[in-house]
């Protein structure tokens, strides 16, 4: 059996890879391939999963829904031809007897359906939390957002309810329950974003050894996003937020852990710090100091930064959700985009609820964190909220088990038997 994974974004590629790596470990697992329809699929290449069909990095980075100008740039960059070629690849895969796993939103789902193959879907882009919580609809939301009874509109639900769609996996229990009430056989195995966040003892020791002992300390993870040049622009605003935090918590040592994507140029981040008066310090990682703040840049210790942190300052998508899932309060503020605009940040704050402190000005970060960290009941609510909205580790393995039963073994009749 052959399985083609179609995904549409950097975060979606990462989720797909987590599932496929688990699937690859099961006996008799399908032969795997990937069709990343946004970007070049570096996550698949790193995992040793061959790419099928054409790929191309578009100017928007996949965020054409954010800005009409981004769509026009992508069209000029060859989006139409690329999409037609990718549709052809999916159809050829189906004709050869292969199955499809779609990861993301309606775009890979629709490609999977039009291919003619049997398919499964991991829905990462939508959640009922965007428009409601467990008790009521969110105030002030436009009627059209939930006009059909769900954040998933009827044509999306139609694609998920087709006989050829053999598995629908949603990102939270609220969304799965809502879709089941509307006739979609949806399952919630957890959220694969929370997998592979285990820490390494040697990296934890290396990072903690950089900082001198302190009677009072505040540790923050800094998450500027993974795409250049936007991450560099976000970093400049983040440095302004750090200044606010150091001033507000003047009686504490501020330990700052910047978790950067490996593809980003460290020199650009260092230059911003030097321009802002930070002084380099010798250490295992690039380290800088100013006043009561000490800052480390790392491209290899993302999980360690999150686990060590009391909270985070973020202008990121997936990384923000992972920090929330670990029970951390996260300060965010919008930038010019193309991803982390006000519209994106506001939607993310609805998705993640009370765990996100959305600010209009980075210089408000210090006061916002002071008020949050001094409120014990609020911190407990944030911890519980993260677990409820993002789930516990293990989802990738559960989804892989379900796919294994579907595609590597005879069909099963009980839609929930994989979870037992």
Protein backbone atom coordinates (compact mmCIF):
# COMPACT_ATOMS: atom_id res chain seq x y z
CA UNK A 1 0.00 0.00 0.00
CA UNK A 2 1.12 3.56 -0.76
CA UNK A 3 0.20 6.70 1.19
CA UNK A 4 0.69 10.26 -0.11
CA UNK A 5 0.55 13.05 2.46
CA UNK A 6 -0.70 16.41 1.12
CA UNK A 7 -0.13 19.41 3.42
CA UNK A 8 -0.26 23.16 2.98
CA UNK A 9 2.12 25.00 5.25
CA UNK A 10 5.24 24.84 7.41
CA UNK A 11 3.30 23.92 10.55
CA UNK A 12 1.15 21.42 8.67
CA UNK A 13 4.27 19.75 7.24
CA UNK A 14 5.59 19.36 10.77
CA UNK A 15 2.38 17.78 12.01
CA UNK A 16 2.30 15.41 9.04
CA UNK A 17 5.90 14.36 9.63
CA UNK A 18 5.17 13.51 13.28
CA UNK A 19 2.34 11.22 12.19
CA UNK A 20 4.27 9.63 9.32
CA UNK A 21 7.28 8.91 11.53
CA UNK A 22 5.00 7.05 13.93
CA UNK A 23 3.33 5.23 11.05
CA UNK A 24 6.69 4.21 9.63
CA UNK A 25 7.49 2.36 12.87
CA UNK A 26 4.44 0.08 12.62
CA UNK A 27 4.78 -3.35 10.99
CA UNK A 28 3.60 -3.53 7.41
CA UNK A 29 3.16 0.23 7.18
CA UNK A 30 2.45 1.82 3.77
CA UNK A 31 5.12 3.19 1.49
CA UNK A 32 5.17 6.92 2.22
CA UNK A 33 5.50 10.02 0.04
CA UNK A 34 4.61 13.70 0.43
CA UNK A 35 3.14 16.49 -1.67
CA UNK A 36 3.71 19.81 0.13
CA UNK A 37 1.59 22.36 -1.72
CA UNK A 38 3.09 25.35 0.13
CA UNK A 39 6.84 25.69 0.28
CA UNK A 40 9.47 23.13 -0.59
CA UNK A 41 8.77 20.48 2.06
CA UNK A 42 12.04 20.69 3.98
CA UNK A 43 10.47 18.92 6.98
CA UNK A 44 9.71 15.90 4.79
CA UNK A 45 13.21 15.90 3.32
CA UNK A 46 14.75 16.01 6.78
CA UNK A 47 12.62 13.03 7.84
CA UNK A 48 13.62 11.02 4.76
CA UNK A 49 10.14 11.06 3.23
CA UNK A 50 10.34 11.41 -0.58
CA UNK A 51 8.50 14.29 -2.22
CA UNK A 52 6.15 13.51 -5.06
CA UNK A 53 5.39 16.15 -7.68
CA UNK A 54 6.46 19.79 -8.01
CA UNK A 55 7.09 22.20 -5.14
CA UNK A 56 7.84 25.90 -5.11
CA UNK A 57 8.19 28.55 -2.43
CA UNK A 58 5.63 31.30 -3.08
CA UNK A 59 6.18 34.96 -2.10
CA UNK A 60 3.35 34.90 0.46
CA UNK A 61 4.64 31.83 2.30
CA UNK A 62 1.11 30.44 2.07
CA UNK A 63 -0.70 33.37 3.70
CA UNK A 64 -2.64 34.57 0.67
CA UNK A 65 -5.86 34.71 2.70
CA UNK A 66 -4.33 37.45 4.83
CA UNK A 67 -3.85 39.98 2.08
CA UNK A 68 -5.11 40.31 -1.50
CA UNK A 69 -1.75 41.71 -2.54
CA UNK A 70 -0.07 38.49 -1.36
CA UNK A 71 -2.42 36.52 -3.61
CA UNK A 72 -1.48 38.69 -6.59
CA UNK A 73 2.22 38.17 -5.87
CA UNK A 74 1.71 34.40 -5.78
CA UNK A 75 -0.27 34.47 -9.03
CA UNK A 76 2.57 36.33 -10.71
CA UNK A 77 4.97 33.80 -9.17
CA UNK A 78 3.32 30.86 -10.92
CA UNK A 79 0.66 29.72 -8.42
CA UNK A 80 -1.85 28.59 -11.06
CA UNK A 81 0.60 26.39 -12.95
CA UNK A 82 1.96 24.93 -9.73
CA UNK A 83 -1.53 24.08 -8.46
CA UNK A 84 -2.55 22.40 -11.72
CA UNK A 85 0.61 20.30 -11.66
CA UNK A 86 -0.05 19.29 -8.06
CA UNK A 87 -3.64 18.30 -8.89
CA UNK A 88 -2.28 16.12 -11.68
CA UNK A 89 0.18 14.49 -9.28
CA UNK A 90 -2.63 13.61 -6.86
CA UNK A 91 -4.74 12.07 -9.65
CA UNK A 92 -1.82 10.01 -10.90
CA UNK A 93 -1.21 8.78 -7.37
CA UNK A 94 -4.84 7.67 -7.09
CA UNK A 95 -4.69 5.86 -10.45
CA UNK A 96 -1.71 3.87 -9.21
CA UNK A 97 -3.79 2.61 -6.27
CA UNK A 98 -2.36 4.91 -3.62
CA UNK A 99 -4.22 6.45 -0.67
CA UNK A 100 -4.01 10.06 0.54
CA UNK A 101 -3.64 11.78 3.91
CA UNK A 102 -4.63 15.48 3.76
CA UNK A 103 -3.27 17.75 6.51
CA UNK A 104 -4.35 21.37 6.96
CA UNK A 105 -7.53 22.96 5.64
CA UNK A 106 -9.99 22.63 2.76
CA UNK A 107 -7.29 22.96 0.09
CA UNK A 108 -5.47 19.64 0.68
CA UNK A 109 -8.82 18.08 1.60
CA UNK A 110 -10.32 19.11 -1.74
CA UNK A 111 -7.26 17.90 -3.65
CA UNK A 112 -7.55 14.53 -1.90
CA UNK A 113 -11.23 14.29 -2.84
CA UNK A 114 -10.75 15.29 -6.49
CA UNK A 115 -7.96 12.76 -6.93
CA UNK A 116 -10.41 9.87 -6.77
CA UNK A 117 -8.42 8.08 -4.05
CA UNK A 118 -9.51 6.97 -0.59
CA UNK A 119 -8.34 9.63 1.84
CA UNK A 120 -8.13 10.73 5.48
CA UNK A 121 -7.99 14.24 6.88
CA UNK A 122 -6.21 15.90 9.81
CA UNK A 123 -7.87 19.28 10.31
CA UNK A 124 -5.38 21.74 11.78
CA UNK A 125 -6.62 25.13 10.58
CA UNK A 126 -10.09 25.34 12.13
CA UNK A 127 -11.50 24.99 15.63
CA UNK A 128 -14.83 25.77 17.24
CA UNK A 129 -12.83 27.82 19.76
CA UNK A 130 -12.56 30.52 17.10
CA UNK A 131 -16.28 31.25 17.55
CA UNK A 132 -17.34 29.65 20.87
CA UNK A 133 -16.14 27.96 24.01
CA UNK A 134 -17.70 25.07 25.91
CA UNK A 135 -20.50 27.27 27.25
CA UNK A 136 -21.49 29.95 24.75
CA UNK A 137 -20.69 31.78 21.53
CA UNK A 138 -17.95 34.39 21.78
CA UNK A 139 -19.36 37.93 21.93
CA UNK A 140 -19.00 40.25 18.99
CA UNK A 141 -18.37 37.61 16.37
CA UNK A 142 -19.98 38.07 12.92
CA UNK A 143 -23.03 35.88 12.34
CA UNK A 144 -21.56 34.41 9.16
CA UNK A 145 -18.70 32.75 11.06
CA UNK A 146 -20.99 30.13 12.53
CA UNK A 147 -24.01 30.42 10.28
CA UNK A 148 -24.15 26.68 9.53
CA UNK A 149 -23.74 25.46 13.10
CA UNK A 150 -19.96 25.01 12.97
CA UNK A 151 -16.76 26.80 12.05
CA UNK A 152 -16.53 24.14 9.32
CA UNK A 153 -18.94 25.17 6.55
CA UNK A 154 -21.25 22.67 4.78
CA UNK A 155 -19.00 22.00 1.78
CA UNK A 156 -16.08 21.23 4.08
CA UNK A 157 -18.27 18.86 6.09
CA UNK A 158 -19.47 17.30 2.82
CA UNK A 159 -15.89 16.47 1.87
CA UNK A 160 -15.29 14.96 5.31
CA UNK A 161 -18.44 12.83 5.15
CA UNK A 162 -17.80 11.20 1.75
CA UNK A 163 -17.51 7.38 1.73
CA UNK A 164 -13.95 7.69 0.38
CA UNK A 165 -12.99 9.77 3.44
CA UNK A 166 -11.95 7.03 5.86
CA UNK A 167 -10.82 9.10 8.82
CA UNK A 168 -11.34 12.66 10.13
CA UNK A 169 -9.09 13.80 13.00
CA UNK A 170 -9.76 17.18 14.63
CA UNK A 171 -7.54 19.34 16.80
CA UNK A 172 -9.75 19.50 19.92
CA UNK A 173 -12.67 17.75 21.58
CA UNK A 174 -15.07 20.68 21.17
CA UNK A 175 -14.64 20.67 17.39
CA UNK A 176 -14.93 16.88 17.10
CA UNK A 177 -18.11 16.84 19.19
CA UNK A 178 -19.66 19.62 17.12
CA UNK A 179 -18.93 17.89 13.81
CA UNK A 180 -20.24 14.55 15.06
CA UNK A 181 -23.50 16.27 15.98
CA UNK A 182 -23.68 17.42 12.33
CA UNK A 183 -23.10 13.98 10.82
CA UNK A 184 -19.32 13.93 10.32
CA UNK A 185 -17.60 10.83 11.81
CA UNK A 186 -14.95 12.98 13.49
CA UNK A 187 -12.42 11.77 16.05
CA UNK A 188 -10.23 13.59 18.56
CA UNK A 189 -7.03 11.66 19.31
CA UNK A 190 -5.25 14.74 20.70
CA UNK A 191 -3.16 17.35 18.90
CA UNK A 192 0.10 16.23 17.22
CA UNK A 193 1.54 19.69 17.88
CA UNK A 194 2.17 18.54 21.47
CA UNK A 195 4.29 15.56 20.40
CA UNK A 196 8.09 15.60 20.22
CA UNK A 197 8.44 18.28 22.91
CA UNK A 198 10.58 16.09 25.17
CA UNK A 199 13.65 17.76 26.66
CA UNK A 200 17.25 16.59 26.61
CA UNK A 201 19.09 16.63 29.92
CA UNK A 202 22.39 17.75 28.37
CA UNK A 203 20.79 20.75 26.66
CA UNK A 204 18.90 21.72 29.82
CA UNK A 205 22.18 21.60 31.74
CA UNK A 206 24.03 23.63 29.10
CA UNK A 207 21.40 26.37 29.11
CA UNK A 208 20.94 26.63 32.86
CA UNK A 209 24.73 26.70 33.39
CA UNK A 210 24.97 29.92 31.36
CA UNK A 211 23.08 31.94 33.95
CA UNK A 212 24.50 32.85 37.36
CA UNK A 213 22.55 31.85 40.49
CA UNK A 214 19.76 34.26 41.39
CA UNK A 215 17.43 34.52 44.36
CA UNK A 216 14.66 35.94 42.17
CA UNK A 217 14.44 35.03 38.51
CA UNK A 218 11.94 35.29 35.65
CA UNK A 219 12.46 33.05 32.63
CA UNK A 220 10.82 33.84 29.30
CA UNK A 221 10.91 32.00 25.99
CA UNK A 222 11.16 34.27 22.95
CA UNK A 223 9.42 32.94 19.83
CA UNK A 224 9.72 35.36 16.87
CA UNK A 225 8.41 32.95 14.19
CA UNK A 226 10.11 30.82 11.59
CA UNK A 227 9.89 32.79 8.33
CA UNK A 228 12.37 35.37 7.12
CA UNK A 229 12.25 38.32 6.78
CA UNK A 230 9.15 38.60 8.98
CA UNK A 231 10.89 36.97 11.96
CA UNK A 232 13.58 39.69 11.88
CA UNK A 233 10.95 42.45 11.89
CA UNK A 234 9.16 40.73 14.78
CA UNK A 235 12.44 40.43 16.66
CA UNK A 236 12.88 44.20 16.73
CA UNK A 237 9.47 44.60 18.38
CA UNK A 238 10.32 41.75 20.74
CA UNK A 239 13.47 43.54 21.91
CA UNK A 240 11.27 46.53 22.82
CA UNK A 241 9.02 44.18 24.81
CA UNK A 242 12.06 42.78 26.62
CA UNK A 243 13.05 46.31 27.69
CA UNK A 244 9.61 46.72 29.23
CA UNK A 245 9.92 43.41 31.10
CA UNK A 246 13.37 44.21 32.49
CA UNK A 247 12.17 47.58 33.73
CA UNK A 248 9.02 46.18 35.33
CA UNK A 249 10.87 43.30 37.01
CA UNK A 250 13.91 45.34 38.00
CA UNK A 251 14.42 43.31 41.18
CA UNK A 252 14.78 40.00 39.31
CA UNK A 253 17.25 38.39 36.98
CA UNK A 254 15.50 38.09 33.60
CA UNK A 255 16.52 34.88 31.81
CA UNK A 256 15.60 35.14 28.11
CA UNK A 257 15.65 32.06 25.87
CA UNK A 258 15.25 32.84 22.17
CA UNK A 259 14.20 29.68 20.31
CA UNK A 260 14.93 30.33 16.65
CA UNK A 261 14.20 28.24 13.56
CA UNK A 262 17.41 26.63 12.21
CA UNK A 263 16.91 28.21 8.78
CA UNK A 264 17.06 31.77 10.16
CA UNK A 265 20.26 33.81 10.01
CA UNK A 266 21.56 34.27 13.57
CA UNK A 267 23.66 37.26 12.56
CA UNK A 268 20.54 39.37 11.94
CA UNK A 269 19.27 38.69 15.46
CA UNK A 270 22.64 39.46 16.98
CA UNK A 271 22.84 42.77 15.11
CA UNK A 272 19.50 43.93 16.54
CA UNK A 273 20.69 43.14 20.07
CA UNK A 274 23.99 44.95 19.57
CA UNK A 275 22.19 48.01 18.19
CA UNK A 276 19.97 48.00 21.31
CA UNK A 277 22.97 48.04 23.65
CA UNK A 278 23.25 44.34 24.52
CA UNK A 279 26.79 43.10 25.10
CA UNK A 280 28.03 39.65 23.97
CA UNK A 281 29.08 37.17 26.65
CA UNK A 282 31.16 34.04 26.05
CA UNK A 283 29.14 30.85 26.34
CA UNK A 284 28.06 27.53 24.84
CA UNK A 285 25.34 29.39 22.92
CA UNK A 286 25.38 32.98 21.58
CA UNK A 287 24.72 34.95 24.77
CA UNK A 288 24.10 38.65 25.47
CA UNK A 289 23.66 40.73 28.62
CA UNK A 290 22.19 44.08 29.45
CA UNK A 291 21.26 45.31 32.93
CA UNK A 292 19.28 42.63 34.75
CA UNK A 293 18.66 40.70 31.52
CA UNK A 294 20.63 37.82 30.04
CA UNK A 295 19.63 36.43 26.65
CA UNK A 296 20.58 33.22 24.83
CA UNK A 297 20.00 32.48 21.13
CA UNK A 298 19.52 28.84 20.18
CA UNK A 299 18.40 26.94 17.09
CA UNK A 300 18.60 23.48 18.68
CA UNK A 301 16.83 23.62 22.05
CA UNK A 302 13.23 24.65 21.31
CA UNK A 303 11.61 22.21 23.74
CA UNK A 304 14.09 23.07 26.48
CA UNK A 305 13.32 26.79 26.12
CA UNK A 306 9.59 26.16 26.49
CA UNK A 307 9.90 23.84 29.48
CA UNK A 308 12.27 26.17 31.37
CA UNK A 309 10.11 29.26 30.79
CA UNK A 310 7.62 30.84 33.18
CA UNK A 311 5.96 32.40 30.14
CA UNK A 312 6.64 33.41 26.56
CA UNK A 313 6.72 36.41 24.26
CA UNK A 314 5.68 35.23 20.81
CA UNK A 315 4.89 36.37 17.30
CA UNK A 316 4.53 32.85 15.95
CA UNK A 317 1.87 30.35 14.95
CA UNK A 318 2.64 26.76 15.95
CA UNK A 319 5.22 27.70 18.59
CA UNK A 320 2.68 29.89 20.40
CA UNK A 321 0.17 27.04 20.47
CA UNK A 322 2.81 24.65 21.84
CA UNK A 323 3.74 27.08 24.62
CA UNK A 324 0.06 27.40 25.55
CA UNK A 325 -0.28 23.61 25.51
CA UNK A 326 2.51 23.41 28.10
CA UNK A 327 0.52 25.71 30.37
CA UNK A 328 2.48 28.92 29.80
CA UNK A 329 1.01 32.42 29.56
CA UNK A 330 2.01 33.95 26.23
CA UNK A 331 2.33 37.66 25.41
CA UNK A 332 1.69 38.45 21.74
CA UNK A 333 1.49 41.62 19.66
CA UNK A 334 0.86 41.99 15.91
CA UNK A 335 3.28 43.09 13.23
CA UNK A 336 3.07 43.95 9.53
CA UNK A 337 2.93 40.28 8.44
CA UNK A 338 2.43 38.53 6.14
CA UNK A 339 1.61 36.00 8.88
CA UNK A 340 1.48 37.64 12.29
CA UNK A 341 -0.84 40.53 11.47
CA UNK A 342 -3.50 41.86 13.82
CA UNK A 343 -6.11 39.62 12.17
CA UNK A 344 -3.95 36.53 12.74
CA UNK A 345 -3.04 37.47 16.31
CA UNK A 346 -6.66 38.26 17.23
CA UNK A 347 -7.87 34.95 15.77
CA UNK A 348 -5.11 33.12 17.62
CA UNK A 349 -6.17 34.74 20.89
CA UNK A 350 -9.69 33.38 20.37
CA UNK A 351 -8.35 29.93 19.54
CA UNK A 352 -6.17 29.80 22.65
CA UNK A 353 -8.38 31.75 25.03
CA UNK A 354 -7.12 33.10 28.38
CA UNK A 355 -3.60 31.77 27.87
CA UNK A 356 -2.83 34.57 25.38
CA UNK A 357 -2.20 38.18 26.43
CA UNK A 358 -2.75 40.09 23.17
CA UNK A 359 -1.25 43.59 23.32
CA UNK A 360 -1.35 46.48 20.89
CA UNK A 361 2.07 47.78 21.95
CA UNK A 362 5.14 45.64 22.80
CA UNK A 363 6.03 48.12 25.55
CA UNK A 364 2.99 46.91 27.51
CA UNK A 365 4.57 43.47 27.96
CA UNK A 366 6.09 44.11 31.37
CA UNK A 367 2.87 45.27 33.02
CA UNK A 368 0.84 42.50 31.39
CA UNK A 369 3.21 39.80 32.63
CA UNK A 370 3.41 41.32 36.12
CA UNK A 371 -0.37 41.26 36.51
CA UNK A 372 -0.66 37.73 35.14
CA UNK A 373 2.18 36.11 37.08
CA UNK A 374 0.97 37.63 40.37
CA UNK A 375 -2.48 36.03 39.96
CA UNK A 376 -2.35 32.42 41.19
CA UNK A 377 -5.91 31.43 40.18
CA UNK A 378 -5.33 32.92 36.73
CA UNK A 379 -2.14 30.86 36.27
CA UNK A 380 -4.03 27.72 37.28
CA UNK A 381 -6.73 28.57 34.73
CA UNK A 382 -4.04 29.06 32.06
CA UNK A 383 -2.51 25.65 32.83
CA UNK A 384 -5.88 23.89 32.63
CA UNK A 385 -6.86 25.83 29.51
CA UNK A 386 -3.67 24.75 27.72
CA UNK A 387 -4.31 21.08 28.39
CA UNK A 388 -7.95 21.35 27.30
CA UNK A 389 -7.35 23.26 24.06
CA UNK A 390 -4.10 21.59 22.96
CA UNK A 391 -4.27 18.12 24.51
CA UNK A 392 -1.58 15.79 25.83
CA UNK A 393 1.30 14.13 23.93
CA UNK A 394 0.60 10.95 21.97
CA UNK A 395 -1.77 12.12 19.23
CA UNK A 396 0.62 11.36 16.37
CA UNK A 397 0.91 7.76 17.49
CA UNK A 398 -2.87 7.42 17.85
CA UNK A 399 -3.50 8.81 14.36
CA UNK A 400 -0.77 6.58 12.92
CA UNK A 401 -2.44 3.56 14.51
CA UNK A 402 -5.76 4.51 12.92
CA UNK A 403 -4.16 4.97 9.50
CA UNK A 404 -2.35 1.66 9.89
CA UNK A 405 -5.65 -0.09 10.54
CA UNK A 406 -7.21 1.62 7.53
CA UNK A 407 -4.49 1.17 4.97
CA UNK A 408 -2.14 -1.61 6.06
CA UNK A 409 -4.80 -3.97 7.45
CA UNK A 410 -8.32 -5.01 6.38
CA UNK A 411 -11.01 -2.34 6.94
CA UNK A 412 -12.55 -2.22 10.40
CA UNK A 413 -16.15 -1.51 11.29
CA UNK A 414 -15.77 0.21 14.65
CA UNK A 415 -14.66 3.81 14.03
CA UNK A 416 -13.22 4.08 17.55
CA UNK A 417 -11.50 0.71 17.80
CA UNK A 418 -8.07 2.27 17.17
CA UNK A 419 -8.24 4.06 20.51
CA UNK A 420 -8.61 0.86 22.57
